[in-house]
């Protein structure tokens, strides 16, 4: 398992090369999708397989998916004219349950383009996901009218440095974790930390750390 944290406070996207509308899509398997851009889009050469990708509905900010770029290729006519780009994306469909058919746009968090993105390896060797289900009901028959599902990602209790290290991650405005071995072909989760206390001795601490998955 290869786990990496991405974190940043702001992401300044260039005007072209990493974001566009989704023209068509093809679902190969659960969590494995290929989107195609329009003919006018030109993919930045700095975009790399493994970059984080956000698919979203431009008309409804509650519909979105975070995943990992697994492939990129130009789409051409038999005459060689480029008519768009095909981008392969892998994501955890069990967490990001919004329909691909609702997604209208994409954004690639290309860290090779934007120096504001920082990455850290070896922060965690393993993690688990805990799911909390809250049910609202009425009457003595407990008729359910609302179900809320929340997912927490908990990293292992290894020994870590706090200040100028792990603190940089948890204090960032945008936090992502990428698991390159997650099914089907890598997964990414956007996270935030609600509250926690870290007791550090000589700037080192050891504990499980819980993040809420933004989904």
N, C-alpha and C. Protein backbone atom coordinates (compact mmCIF):
# COMPACT_ATOMS: atom_id res chain seq x y z
N UNK A 1 0.84 -1.19 0.00
CA UNK A 1 0.00 0.00 0.00
C UNK A 1 0.87 1.24 0.00
N UNK A 2 0.67 2.12 -0.98
CA UNK A 2 1.39 3.40 -1.05
C UNK A 2 0.42 4.52 -0.73
N UNK A 3 0.68 5.24 0.36
CA UNK A 3 -0.22 6.29 0.83
C UNK A 3 0.53 7.61 0.83
N UNK A 4 -0.14 8.64 0.31
CA UNK A 4 0.49 9.95 0.20
C UNK A 4 -0.53 11.02 0.55
N UNK A 5 -0.10 12.02 1.32
CA UNK A 5 -0.94 13.16 1.63
C UNK A 5 -0.59 14.32 0.70
N UNK A 6 -1.64 14.96 0.19
CA UNK A 6 -1.52 16.22 -0.55
C UNK A 6 -2.20 17.29 0.31
N UNK A 7 -1.61 18.48 0.37
CA UNK A 7 -2.25 19.53 1.16
C UNK A 7 -1.84 20.91 0.63
N UNK A 8 -2.77 21.86 0.75
CA UNK A 8 -2.52 23.22 0.30
C UNK A 8 -3.62 24.11 0.84
N UNK A 9 -3.35 25.41 0.88
CA UNK A 9 -4.35 26.37 1.32
C UNK A 9 -5.14 26.93 0.15
N UNK A 10 -4.47 27.18 -0.96
CA UNK A 10 -5.14 27.69 -2.16
C UNK A 10 -4.62 26.93 -3.37
N UNK A 11 -5.49 26.79 -4.35
CA UNK A 11 -5.08 26.17 -5.61
C UNK A 11 -5.38 27.15 -6.72
N UNK A 12 -4.34 27.71 -7.30
CA UNK A 12 -4.50 28.67 -8.38
C UNK A 12 -4.41 27.91 -9.70
N UNK A 13 -5.55 27.68 -10.31
CA UNK A 13 -5.57 26.90 -11.55
C UNK A 13 -5.20 27.77 -12.73
N UNK A 14 -4.36 27.28 -13.63
CA UNK A 14 -4.09 28.02 -14.86
C UNK A 14 -5.35 28.11 -15.71
N UNK A 15 -5.34 29.03 -16.66
CA UNK A 15 -6.55 29.26 -17.45
C UNK A 15 -6.87 28.10 -18.38
N UNK A 16 -5.89 27.30 -18.75
CA UNK A 16 -6.13 26.19 -19.66
C UNK A 16 -5.31 24.97 -19.23
N UNK A 17 -5.73 23.80 -19.71
CA UNK A 17 -4.89 22.62 -19.60
C UNK A 17 -5.23 21.62 -18.52
N UNK A 18 -6.02 22.03 -17.51
CA UNK A 18 -6.31 21.08 -16.43
C UNK A 18 -7.80 21.01 -16.08
N UNK A 19 -8.63 21.80 -16.70
CA UNK A 19 -10.06 21.77 -16.38
C UNK A 19 -10.87 22.06 -17.63
N UNK A 20 -12.05 21.44 -17.68
CA UNK A 20 -12.89 21.63 -18.85
C UNK A 20 -14.23 20.96 -18.57
N UNK A 21 -15.10 20.99 -19.57
CA UNK A 21 -16.36 20.26 -19.46
C UNK A 21 -16.16 18.80 -19.89
N UNK A 22 -17.07 17.96 -19.43
CA UNK A 22 -17.07 16.55 -19.80
C UNK A 22 -18.04 16.37 -20.96
N UNK A 23 -17.51 15.92 -22.09
CA UNK A 23 -18.37 15.70 -23.25
C UNK A 23 -19.08 14.36 -23.18
N UNK A 24 -18.33 13.30 -22.93
CA UNK A 24 -18.90 11.95 -22.82
C UNK A 24 -18.14 11.19 -21.74
N UNK A 25 -18.68 10.06 -21.34
CA UNK A 25 -17.99 9.21 -20.37
C UNK A 25 -18.32 7.76 -20.67
N UNK A 26 -17.41 6.88 -20.22
CA UNK A 26 -17.60 5.44 -20.35
C UNK A 26 -17.22 4.80 -19.03
N UNK A 27 -18.11 4.00 -18.47
CA UNK A 27 -17.84 3.31 -17.22
C UNK A 27 -17.39 1.89 -17.55
N UNK A 28 -16.13 1.57 -17.19
CA UNK A 28 -15.61 0.23 -17.45
C UNK A 28 -15.99 -0.75 -16.34
N UNK A 29 -16.01 -0.27 -15.12
CA UNK A 29 -16.36 -1.09 -13.96
C UNK A 29 -16.69 -0.13 -12.83
N UNK A 30 -17.16 -0.68 -11.72
CA UNK A 30 -17.45 0.18 -10.58
C UNK A 30 -16.20 0.94 -10.15
N UNK A 31 -16.29 2.26 -10.20
CA UNK A 31 -15.17 3.09 -9.79
C UNK A 31 -14.12 3.30 -10.85
N UNK A 32 -14.34 2.83 -12.06
CA UNK A 32 -13.38 2.97 -13.15
C UNK A 32 -14.09 3.61 -14.34
N UNK A 33 -13.73 4.86 -14.66
CA UNK A 33 -14.45 5.61 -15.68
C UNK A 33 -13.46 6.33 -16.59
N UNK A 34 -13.84 6.51 -17.83
CA UNK A 34 -13.07 7.31 -18.78
C UNK A 34 -13.95 8.45 -19.26
N UNK A 35 -13.45 9.67 -19.11
CA UNK A 35 -14.19 10.83 -19.60
C UNK A 35 -13.49 11.36 -20.84
N UNK A 36 -14.26 12.02 -21.70
CA UNK A 36 -13.67 12.64 -22.89
C UNK A 36 -14.00 14.12 -22.88
N UNK A 37 -12.99 14.93 -23.22
CA UNK A 37 -13.16 16.38 -23.26
C UNK A 37 -13.68 16.80 -24.63
N UNK A 38 -13.95 18.08 -24.77
CA UNK A 38 -14.34 18.56 -26.09
C UNK A 38 -13.09 18.78 -26.95
N UNK A 39 -13.30 19.04 -28.23
CA UNK A 39 -12.19 19.12 -29.18
C UNK A 39 -11.28 20.31 -28.92
N UNK A 40 -11.82 21.36 -28.31
CA UNK A 40 -11.02 22.57 -28.11
C UNK A 40 -10.05 22.45 -26.93
N UNK A 41 -10.23 21.43 -26.09
CA UNK A 41 -9.40 21.31 -24.89
C UNK A 41 -8.03 20.77 -25.25
N UNK A 42 -6.99 21.37 -24.68
CA UNK A 42 -5.62 20.91 -24.86
C UNK A 42 -5.04 20.58 -23.49
N UNK A 43 -4.73 19.31 -23.26
CA UNK A 43 -4.25 18.88 -21.95
C UNK A 43 -2.83 19.37 -21.71
N UNK A 44 -2.59 19.91 -20.53
CA UNK A 44 -1.25 20.36 -20.17
C UNK A 44 -0.28 19.18 -20.14
N UNK A 45 0.91 19.41 -20.65
CA UNK A 45 1.93 18.37 -20.63
C UNK A 45 2.43 18.06 -19.24
N UNK A 46 2.12 18.91 -18.27
CA UNK A 46 2.56 18.69 -16.89
C UNK A 46 1.60 17.79 -16.10
N UNK A 47 0.44 17.49 -16.67
CA UNK A 47 -0.49 16.59 -16.01
C UNK A 47 0.10 15.18 -16.01
N UNK A 48 0.07 14.52 -14.85
CA UNK A 48 0.70 13.21 -14.71
C UNK A 48 -0.31 12.18 -14.22
N UNK A 49 -0.13 10.95 -14.66
CA UNK A 49 -0.90 9.85 -14.09
C UNK A 49 -0.61 9.80 -12.59
N UNK A 50 -1.65 9.70 -11.79
CA UNK A 50 -1.52 9.75 -10.33
C UNK A 50 -2.01 11.05 -9.74
N UNK A 51 -2.22 12.09 -10.58
CA UNK A 51 -2.76 13.35 -10.08
C UNK A 51 -4.20 13.15 -9.59
N UNK A 52 -4.60 13.96 -8.64
CA UNK A 52 -5.97 13.93 -8.12
C UNK A 52 -6.89 14.62 -9.11
N UNK A 53 -8.07 14.04 -9.32
CA UNK A 53 -9.05 14.61 -10.24
C UNK A 53 -10.38 14.79 -9.50
N UNK A 54 -11.00 15.92 -9.72
CA UNK A 54 -12.35 16.17 -9.21
C UNK A 54 -13.32 16.20 -10.38
N UNK A 55 -14.35 15.38 -10.31
CA UNK A 55 -15.48 15.47 -11.23
C UNK A 55 -16.62 16.13 -10.47
N UNK A 56 -17.33 17.05 -11.12
CA UNK A 56 -18.36 17.76 -10.37
C UNK A 56 -19.47 18.25 -11.29
N UNK A 57 -20.58 18.57 -10.66
CA UNK A 57 -21.75 19.13 -11.32
C UNK A 57 -21.70 20.64 -11.15
N UNK A 58 -21.54 21.35 -12.23
CA UNK A 58 -21.39 22.81 -12.15
C UNK A 58 -22.65 23.51 -11.68
N UNK A 59 -23.78 22.82 -11.68
CA UNK A 59 -25.05 23.42 -11.25
C UNK A 59 -25.45 23.03 -9.84
N UNK A 60 -24.70 22.10 -9.22
CA UNK A 60 -25.05 21.60 -7.89
C UNK A 60 -23.77 21.21 -7.17
N UNK A 61 -23.33 22.05 -6.21
CA UNK A 61 -22.04 21.80 -5.57
C UNK A 61 -22.07 20.64 -4.58
N UNK A 62 -23.21 19.96 -4.44
CA UNK A 62 -23.25 18.77 -3.58
C UNK A 62 -22.94 17.50 -4.36
N UNK A 63 -22.83 17.60 -5.68
CA UNK A 63 -22.52 16.45 -6.52
C UNK A 63 -21.06 16.51 -6.97
N UNK A 64 -20.25 15.59 -6.48
CA UNK A 64 -18.83 15.58 -6.86
C UNK A 64 -18.21 14.23 -6.54
N UNK A 65 -17.08 13.99 -7.17
CA UNK A 65 -16.32 12.76 -6.98
C UNK A 65 -14.84 13.13 -7.00
N UNK A 66 -14.07 12.54 -6.10
CA UNK A 66 -12.62 12.69 -6.14
C UNK A 66 -12.00 11.35 -6.50
N UNK A 67 -11.04 11.39 -7.40
CA UNK A 67 -10.38 10.16 -7.82
C UNK A 67 -8.96 10.41 -8.25
N UNK A 68 -8.37 9.41 -8.88
CA UNK A 68 -6.97 9.45 -9.31
C UNK A 68 -6.91 9.27 -10.82
N UNK A 69 -6.08 10.08 -11.47
CA UNK A 69 -5.90 9.95 -12.91
C UNK A 69 -5.10 8.69 -13.21
N UNK A 70 -5.66 7.81 -14.03
CA UNK A 70 -5.01 6.54 -14.34
C UNK A 70 -4.51 6.46 -15.78
N UNK A 71 -4.93 7.39 -16.62
CA UNK A 71 -4.48 7.35 -18.01
C UNK A 71 -4.88 8.62 -18.74
N UNK A 72 -4.17 8.93 -19.80
CA UNK A 72 -4.47 10.11 -20.62
C UNK A 72 -4.03 9.81 -22.04
N UNK A 73 -4.89 10.12 -22.99
CA UNK A 73 -4.54 9.89 -24.39
C UNK A 73 -5.37 10.81 -25.27
N UNK A 74 -4.75 11.28 -26.33
CA UNK A 74 -5.46 12.12 -27.30
C UNK A 74 -6.41 11.26 -28.11
N UNK A 75 -7.58 11.81 -28.41
CA UNK A 75 -8.57 11.13 -29.25
C UNK A 75 -8.49 11.76 -30.63
N UNK A 76 -8.27 10.91 -31.64
CA UNK A 76 -8.05 11.43 -32.99
C UNK A 76 -9.01 10.81 -33.99
N UNK A 77 -9.24 11.53 -35.07
CA UNK A 77 -9.99 11.00 -36.21
C UNK A 77 -9.05 10.11 -37.02
N UNK A 78 -9.59 9.30 -37.94
CA UNK A 78 -8.71 8.50 -38.80
C UNK A 78 -7.70 9.35 -39.58
N UNK A 79 -8.02 10.60 -39.78
CA UNK A 79 -7.10 11.49 -40.50
C UNK A 79 -6.05 12.10 -39.58
N UNK A 80 -6.13 11.81 -38.28
CA UNK A 80 -5.12 12.32 -37.35
C UNK A 80 -5.49 13.61 -36.66
N UNK A 81 -6.69 14.09 -36.88
CA UNK A 81 -7.12 15.33 -36.21
C UNK A 81 -7.53 15.02 -34.78
N UNK A 82 -6.96 15.76 -33.82
CA UNK A 82 -7.30 15.56 -32.41
C UNK A 82 -8.66 16.17 -32.11
N UNK A 83 -9.56 15.36 -31.55
CA UNK A 83 -10.92 15.83 -31.26
C UNK A 83 -11.23 15.75 -29.77
N UNK A 84 -10.19 15.77 -28.95
CA UNK A 84 -10.39 15.74 -27.51
C UNK A 84 -9.38 14.84 -26.83
N UNK A 85 -9.54 14.74 -25.52
CA UNK A 85 -8.67 13.89 -24.72
C UNK A 85 -9.51 12.90 -23.92
N UNK A 86 -9.01 11.68 -23.82
CA UNK A 86 -9.64 10.66 -22.97
C UNK A 86 -8.83 10.56 -21.68
N UNK A 87 -9.52 10.70 -20.56
CA UNK A 87 -8.87 10.67 -19.24
C UNK A 87 -9.46 9.55 -18.41
N UNK A 88 -8.62 8.61 -18.01
CA UNK A 88 -9.06 7.52 -17.16
C UNK A 88 -9.00 7.92 -15.69
N UNK A 89 -10.03 7.58 -14.94
CA UNK A 89 -10.12 7.98 -13.53
C UNK A 89 -10.60 6.79 -12.70
N UNK A 90 -9.95 6.58 -11.58
CA UNK A 90 -10.33 5.54 -10.62
C UNK A 90 -10.75 6.21 -9.32
N UNK A 91 -11.86 5.74 -8.74
CA UNK A 91 -12.34 6.35 -7.49
C UNK A 91 -13.09 5.30 -6.67
N UNK A 92 -13.30 5.61 -5.40
CA UNK A 92 -14.02 4.71 -4.49
C UNK A 92 -15.52 4.98 -4.63
N UNK A 93 -16.17 4.15 -5.42
CA UNK A 93 -17.60 4.36 -5.70
C UNK A 93 -18.47 4.07 -4.48
N UNK A 94 -17.92 3.39 -3.49
CA UNK A 94 -18.70 3.11 -2.28
C UNK A 94 -18.80 4.34 -1.38
N UNK A 95 -17.83 5.24 -1.48
CA UNK A 95 -17.83 6.49 -0.71
C UNK A 95 -18.42 7.62 -1.54
N UNK A 96 -17.96 7.74 -2.77
CA UNK A 96 -18.46 8.78 -3.66
C UNK A 96 -19.57 8.17 -4.52
N UNK A 97 -20.78 8.34 -4.03
CA UNK A 97 -21.93 7.63 -4.61
C UNK A 97 -22.73 8.46 -5.61
N UNK A 98 -22.35 9.72 -5.82
CA UNK A 98 -23.07 10.53 -6.81
C UNK A 98 -22.88 9.92 -8.20
N UNK A 99 -23.88 10.07 -9.04
CA UNK A 99 -23.86 9.45 -10.36
C UNK A 99 -22.91 10.17 -11.30
N UNK A 100 -22.13 9.38 -12.04
CA UNK A 100 -21.25 9.94 -13.06
C UNK A 100 -22.04 10.75 -14.08
N UNK A 101 -23.25 10.33 -14.35
CA UNK A 101 -24.07 11.00 -15.36
C UNK A 101 -24.42 12.43 -14.96
N UNK A 102 -24.29 12.77 -13.68
CA UNK A 102 -24.58 14.13 -13.22
C UNK A 102 -23.37 15.06 -13.33
N UNK A 103 -22.20 14.50 -13.60
CA UNK A 103 -20.98 15.31 -13.61
C UNK A 103 -20.83 16.03 -14.94
N UNK A 104 -20.58 17.32 -14.87
CA UNK A 104 -20.48 18.15 -16.08
C UNK A 104 -19.06 18.64 -16.34
N UNK A 105 -18.22 18.69 -15.31
CA UNK A 105 -16.89 19.29 -15.43
C UNK A 105 -15.85 18.46 -14.69
N UNK A 106 -14.59 18.76 -14.97
CA UNK A 106 -13.50 18.11 -14.25
C UNK A 106 -12.41 19.14 -13.94
N UNK A 107 -11.64 18.84 -12.90
CA UNK A 107 -10.48 19.66 -12.52
C UNK A 107 -9.38 18.72 -12.06
N UNK A 108 -8.19 18.90 -12.61
CA UNK A 108 -7.04 18.07 -12.25
C UNK A 108 -6.13 18.88 -11.33
N UNK A 109 -5.86 18.35 -10.13
CA UNK A 109 -4.95 19.01 -9.20
C UNK A 109 -3.52 18.60 -9.57
N UNK A 110 -2.96 19.25 -10.57
CA UNK A 110 -1.65 18.89 -11.10
C UNK A 110 -0.57 19.59 -10.28
N UNK A 111 0.07 18.84 -9.42
CA UNK A 111 1.06 19.47 -8.53
C UNK A 111 2.31 19.88 -9.29
N UNK A 112 2.55 19.30 -10.46
CA UNK A 112 3.71 19.72 -11.26
C UNK A 112 3.52 21.12 -11.82
N UNK A 113 2.26 21.56 -11.90
CA UNK A 113 1.95 22.91 -12.39
C UNK A 113 1.92 23.90 -11.24
N UNK A 114 1.34 23.50 -10.13
CA UNK A 114 1.08 24.42 -9.03
C UNK A 114 1.97 24.11 -7.84
N UNK A 115 2.90 25.00 -7.56
CA UNK A 115 3.84 24.79 -6.45
C UNK A 115 3.18 24.95 -5.08
N UNK A 116 1.92 25.40 -5.05
CA UNK A 116 1.23 25.55 -3.77
C UNK A 116 0.88 24.19 -3.16
N UNK A 117 0.86 23.14 -3.98
CA UNK A 117 0.53 21.81 -3.49
C UNK A 117 1.77 21.17 -2.88
N UNK A 118 1.64 20.74 -1.62
CA UNK A 118 2.71 20.00 -0.96
C UNK A 118 2.31 18.54 -0.82
N UNK A 119 3.31 17.66 -0.77
CA UNK A 119 3.05 16.23 -0.64
C UNK A 119 3.95 15.65 0.44
N UNK A 120 3.41 14.67 1.15
CA UNK A 120 4.20 13.96 2.15
C UNK A 120 3.95 12.46 2.02
N UNK A 121 5.03 11.72 1.92
CA UNK A 121 4.98 10.27 1.98
C UNK A 121 5.28 9.80 3.40
N UNK A 122 5.03 8.55 3.66
CA UNK A 122 5.40 7.91 4.93
C UNK A 122 4.74 8.54 6.15
N UNK A 123 3.60 9.19 5.93
CA UNK A 123 2.84 9.71 7.07
C UNK A 123 2.09 8.58 7.74
N UNK A 124 1.63 7.64 6.95
CA UNK A 124 0.86 6.51 7.48
C UNK A 124 1.14 5.28 6.63
N UNK A 125 1.17 4.13 7.29
CA UNK A 125 1.34 2.87 6.58
C UNK A 125 0.01 2.19 6.30
N UNK A 126 -1.03 2.59 7.03
CA UNK A 126 -2.34 1.96 6.86
C UNK A 126 -3.41 2.90 7.38
N UNK A 127 -4.65 2.65 6.94
CA UNK A 127 -5.78 3.42 7.42
C UNK A 127 -7.01 2.53 7.40
N UNK A 128 -8.02 2.96 8.12
CA UNK A 128 -9.31 2.29 8.06
C UNK A 128 -10.39 3.34 7.88
N UNK A 129 -11.53 2.91 7.36
CA UNK A 129 -12.66 3.81 7.17
C UNK A 129 -13.80 3.35 8.07
N UNK A 130 -14.30 4.27 8.87
CA UNK A 130 -15.42 4.00 9.78
C UNK A 130 -16.65 4.76 9.28
N UNK A 131 -17.78 4.09 9.20
CA UNK A 131 -19.00 4.69 8.68
C UNK A 131 -20.04 4.83 9.78
N UNK A 132 -20.57 6.02 9.91
CA UNK A 132 -21.61 6.31 10.90
C UNK A 132 -22.92 6.59 10.18
N UNK A 133 -23.97 5.91 10.58
CA UNK A 133 -25.29 6.09 9.98
C UNK A 133 -26.23 6.66 11.04
N UNK A 134 -26.83 7.80 10.72
CA UNK A 134 -27.80 8.43 11.62
C UNK A 134 -29.17 8.41 10.95
N UNK A 135 -30.15 7.88 11.67
CA UNK A 135 -31.50 7.75 11.13
C UNK A 135 -32.46 8.64 11.91
N UNK A 136 -33.23 9.43 11.19
CA UNK A 136 -34.28 10.24 11.81
C UNK A 136 -35.62 9.58 11.50
N UNK A 137 -36.44 9.42 12.54
CA UNK A 137 -37.72 8.72 12.37
C UNK A 137 -38.79 9.42 13.20
N UNK A 138 -40.04 9.10 12.89
CA UNK A 138 -41.15 9.67 13.64
C UNK A 138 -42.18 8.57 13.91
N UNK A 139 -43.06 8.84 14.85
CA UNK A 139 -44.15 7.97 15.30
C UNK A 139 -43.61 6.77 16.08
N UNK A 140 -44.50 6.10 16.74
CA UNK A 140 -44.11 4.93 17.53
C UNK A 140 -43.68 3.76 16.64
N UNK A 141 -43.97 3.87 15.36
CA UNK A 141 -43.56 2.81 14.43
C UNK A 141 -42.17 3.09 13.84
N UNK A 142 -41.57 4.18 14.28
CA UNK A 142 -40.23 4.56 13.82
C UNK A 142 -40.16 4.56 12.28
N UNK A 143 -41.00 5.39 11.69
CA UNK A 143 -40.99 5.54 10.25
C UNK A 143 -39.83 6.46 9.87
N UNK A 144 -38.95 5.92 9.12
CA UNK A 144 -37.73 6.65 8.77
C UNK A 144 -38.01 7.68 7.68
N UNK A 145 -37.52 8.91 7.88
CA UNK A 145 -37.68 9.94 6.86
C UNK A 145 -36.36 10.57 6.43
N UNK A 146 -35.27 10.25 7.13
CA UNK A 146 -33.98 10.79 6.72
C UNK A 146 -32.86 9.90 7.24
N UNK A 147 -31.90 9.63 6.38
CA UNK A 147 -30.71 8.87 6.76
C UNK A 147 -29.48 9.68 6.37
N UNK A 148 -28.60 9.90 7.33
CA UNK A 148 -27.36 10.63 7.08
C UNK A 148 -26.19 9.68 7.28
N UNK A 149 -25.32 9.62 6.29
CA UNK A 149 -24.14 8.76 6.37
C UNK A 149 -22.88 9.61 6.37
N UNK A 150 -22.00 9.33 7.32
CA UNK A 150 -20.72 10.04 7.41
C UNK A 150 -19.60 9.00 7.47
N UNK A 151 -18.51 9.31 6.79
CA UNK A 151 -17.37 8.40 6.74
C UNK A 151 -16.14 9.07 7.37
N UNK A 152 -15.48 8.36 8.23
CA UNK A 152 -14.24 8.83 8.84
C UNK A 152 -13.08 7.97 8.37
N UNK A 153 -11.98 8.59 8.07
CA UNK A 153 -10.75 7.89 7.71
C UNK A 153 -9.78 8.03 8.86
N UNK A 154 -9.30 6.92 9.37
CA UNK A 154 -8.47 6.90 10.57
C UNK A 154 -7.11 6.30 10.21
N UNK A 155 -6.05 7.08 10.39
CA UNK A 155 -4.71 6.59 10.09
C UNK A 155 -4.10 5.96 11.34
N UNK A 156 -3.14 5.09 11.12
CA UNK A 156 -2.56 4.27 12.18
C UNK A 156 -1.78 5.10 13.20
N UNK A 157 -1.57 4.50 14.36
CA UNK A 157 -0.93 5.20 15.48
C UNK A 157 0.57 5.02 15.44
N UNK A 158 1.19 5.46 14.38
CA UNK A 158 2.65 5.39 14.32
C UNK A 158 3.24 6.65 14.94
N UNK A 159 4.51 6.63 15.21
CA UNK A 159 5.20 7.76 15.82
C UNK A 159 5.43 8.83 14.75
N UNK A 160 5.00 10.07 15.05
CA UNK A 160 5.10 11.16 14.09
C UNK A 160 5.65 12.41 14.76
N UNK A 161 6.29 13.26 13.95
CA UNK A 161 6.66 14.60 14.38
C UNK A 161 5.44 15.50 14.24
N UNK A 162 5.23 16.40 15.19
CA UNK A 162 4.05 17.26 15.15
C UNK A 162 4.34 18.58 14.43
N UNK A 163 5.02 19.50 15.08
CA UNK A 163 5.23 20.83 14.52
C UNK A 163 6.20 20.76 13.34
N UNK A 164 5.91 21.58 12.34
CA UNK A 164 6.67 21.64 11.10
C UNK A 164 6.68 20.29 10.37
N UNK A 165 5.67 19.50 10.62
CA UNK A 165 5.56 18.22 9.93
C UNK A 165 4.08 17.85 9.81
N UNK A 166 3.57 17.01 10.71
CA UNK A 166 2.17 16.61 10.63
C UNK A 166 1.23 17.78 10.81
N UNK A 167 1.62 18.75 11.61
CA UNK A 167 0.77 19.93 11.82
C UNK A 167 0.53 20.68 10.51
N UNK A 168 1.50 20.67 9.61
CA UNK A 168 1.33 21.34 8.32
C UNK A 168 0.19 20.72 7.53
N UNK A 169 0.01 19.42 7.68
CA UNK A 169 -1.08 18.73 6.98
C UNK A 169 -2.42 19.09 7.59
N UNK A 170 -2.57 18.87 8.89
CA UNK A 170 -3.89 19.01 9.52
C UNK A 170 -4.36 20.45 9.59
N UNK A 171 -3.45 21.41 9.46
CA UNK A 171 -3.83 22.82 9.51
C UNK A 171 -4.09 23.41 8.13
N UNK A 172 -3.89 22.63 7.08
CA UNK A 172 -4.11 23.13 5.72
C UNK A 172 -5.60 23.24 5.41
N UNK A 173 -5.94 24.12 4.51
CA UNK A 173 -7.35 24.31 4.13
C UNK A 173 -7.87 23.16 3.27
N UNK A 174 -6.98 22.53 2.52
CA UNK A 174 -7.36 21.41 1.65
C UNK A 174 -6.43 20.24 1.93
N UNK A 175 -7.02 19.11 2.28
CA UNK A 175 -6.24 17.91 2.61
C UNK A 175 -6.77 16.75 1.77
N UNK A 176 -5.86 16.03 1.14
CA UNK A 176 -6.22 14.83 0.38
C UNK A 176 -5.31 13.68 0.81
N UNK A 177 -5.84 12.48 0.75
CA UNK A 177 -5.01 11.29 0.88
C UNK A 177 -5.21 10.47 -0.37
N UNK A 178 -4.10 9.97 -0.92
CA UNK A 178 -4.12 9.14 -2.12
C UNK A 178 -3.57 7.77 -1.76
N UNK A 179 -4.33 6.74 -2.09
CA UNK A 179 -3.89 5.37 -1.91
C UNK A 179 -3.77 4.75 -3.30
N UNK A 180 -2.55 4.59 -3.77
CA UNK A 180 -2.33 4.11 -5.13
C UNK A 180 -2.73 2.65 -5.31
N UNK A 181 -2.90 1.94 -4.20
CA UNK A 181 -3.28 0.52 -4.27
C UNK A 181 -4.77 0.31 -4.00
N UNK A 182 -5.51 1.37 -3.76
CA UNK A 182 -6.94 1.24 -3.49
C UNK A 182 -7.70 0.78 -4.72
N UNK A 183 -8.69 -0.05 -4.51
CA UNK A 183 -9.46 -0.61 -5.63
C UNK A 183 -10.40 0.46 -6.22
N UNK A 184 -10.54 0.52 -7.58
CA UNK A 184 -9.99 -0.45 -8.54
C UNK A 184 -8.54 -0.19 -8.95
N UNK A 185 -8.17 1.08 -9.18
CA UNK A 185 -6.81 1.38 -9.65
C UNK A 185 -6.24 2.60 -8.96
N UNK A 186 -6.54 2.74 -7.68
CA UNK A 186 -6.12 3.90 -6.92
C UNK A 186 -7.33 4.72 -6.50
N UNK A 187 -7.27 5.32 -5.31
CA UNK A 187 -8.37 6.14 -4.81
C UNK A 187 -7.80 7.40 -4.17
N UNK A 188 -8.64 8.42 -4.10
CA UNK A 188 -8.30 9.67 -3.43
C UNK A 188 -9.50 10.12 -2.61
N UNK A 189 -9.23 10.66 -1.44
CA UNK A 189 -10.29 11.19 -0.57
C UNK A 189 -9.91 12.59 -0.15
N UNK A 190 -10.89 13.50 -0.19
CA UNK A 190 -10.68 14.81 0.40
C UNK A 190 -11.10 14.74 1.86
N UNK A 191 -10.28 15.32 2.74
CA UNK A 191 -10.46 15.16 4.18
C UNK A 191 -10.51 16.50 4.89
N UNK A 192 -11.07 16.48 6.09
CA UNK A 192 -10.85 17.59 7.02
C UNK A 192 -10.87 17.02 8.43
N UNK A 193 -10.26 17.73 9.33
CA UNK A 193 -10.20 17.28 10.72
C UNK A 193 -11.06 18.23 11.54
N UNK A 194 -12.04 17.66 12.25
CA UNK A 194 -12.98 18.49 13.01
C UNK A 194 -12.31 19.07 14.24
N UNK A 195 -11.73 18.23 15.06
CA UNK A 195 -10.99 18.69 16.23
C UNK A 195 -10.18 17.51 16.77
N UNK A 196 -9.07 17.82 17.37
CA UNK A 196 -8.25 16.78 17.97
C UNK A 196 -7.23 17.44 18.88
N UNK A 197 -6.64 16.65 19.75
CA UNK A 197 -5.60 17.13 20.65
C UNK A 197 -4.38 16.23 20.49
N UNK A 198 -3.21 16.85 20.36
CA UNK A 198 -1.99 16.09 20.18
C UNK A 198 -1.04 16.40 21.34
N UNK A 199 -0.74 15.40 22.13
CA UNK A 199 0.22 15.54 23.22
C UNK A 199 1.58 15.09 22.72
N UNK A 200 2.47 16.05 22.51
CA UNK A 200 3.77 15.74 21.92
C UNK A 200 4.86 15.84 22.97
N UNK A 201 5.75 14.86 22.96
CA UNK A 201 6.93 14.86 23.81
C UNK A 201 8.15 14.97 22.89
N UNK A 202 8.92 16.04 23.08
CA UNK A 202 10.04 16.33 22.18
C UNK A 202 9.55 16.39 20.73
N UNK A 203 8.36 16.98 20.57
CA UNK A 203 7.73 17.18 19.26
C UNK A 203 7.30 15.88 18.60
N UNK A 204 7.18 14.80 19.35
CA UNK A 204 6.75 13.52 18.79
C UNK A 204 5.49 13.04 19.50
N UNK A 205 4.59 12.42 18.75
CA UNK A 205 3.38 11.86 19.34
C UNK A 205 3.05 10.55 18.65
N UNK A 206 2.22 9.75 19.31
CA UNK A 206 1.79 8.48 18.74
C UNK A 206 0.31 8.29 19.07
N UNK A 207 -0.54 8.30 18.07
CA UNK A 207 -1.97 8.09 18.26
C UNK A 207 -2.65 7.90 16.91
N UNK A 208 -3.83 7.27 16.95
CA UNK A 208 -4.69 7.26 15.77
C UNK A 208 -5.16 8.69 15.51
N UNK A 209 -5.31 9.06 14.24
CA UNK A 209 -5.82 10.39 13.91
C UNK A 209 -7.02 10.19 12.98
N UNK A 210 -8.13 10.82 13.35
CA UNK A 210 -9.37 10.67 12.60
C UNK A 210 -9.66 11.90 11.76
N UNK A 211 -9.93 11.66 10.47
CA UNK A 211 -10.33 12.69 9.54
C UNK A 211 -11.75 12.38 9.05
N UNK A 212 -12.54 13.40 8.78
CA UNK A 212 -13.83 13.21 8.12
C UNK A 212 -13.61 13.25 6.60
N UNK A 213 -14.18 12.30 5.88
CA UNK A 213 -14.12 12.29 4.44
C UNK A 213 -15.20 13.22 3.88
N UNK A 214 -14.80 14.13 3.02
CA UNK A 214 -15.75 15.03 2.37
C UNK A 214 -16.34 14.28 1.18
N UNK A 215 -17.61 13.90 1.33
CA UNK A 215 -18.26 13.10 0.28
C UNK A 215 -19.74 13.39 0.28
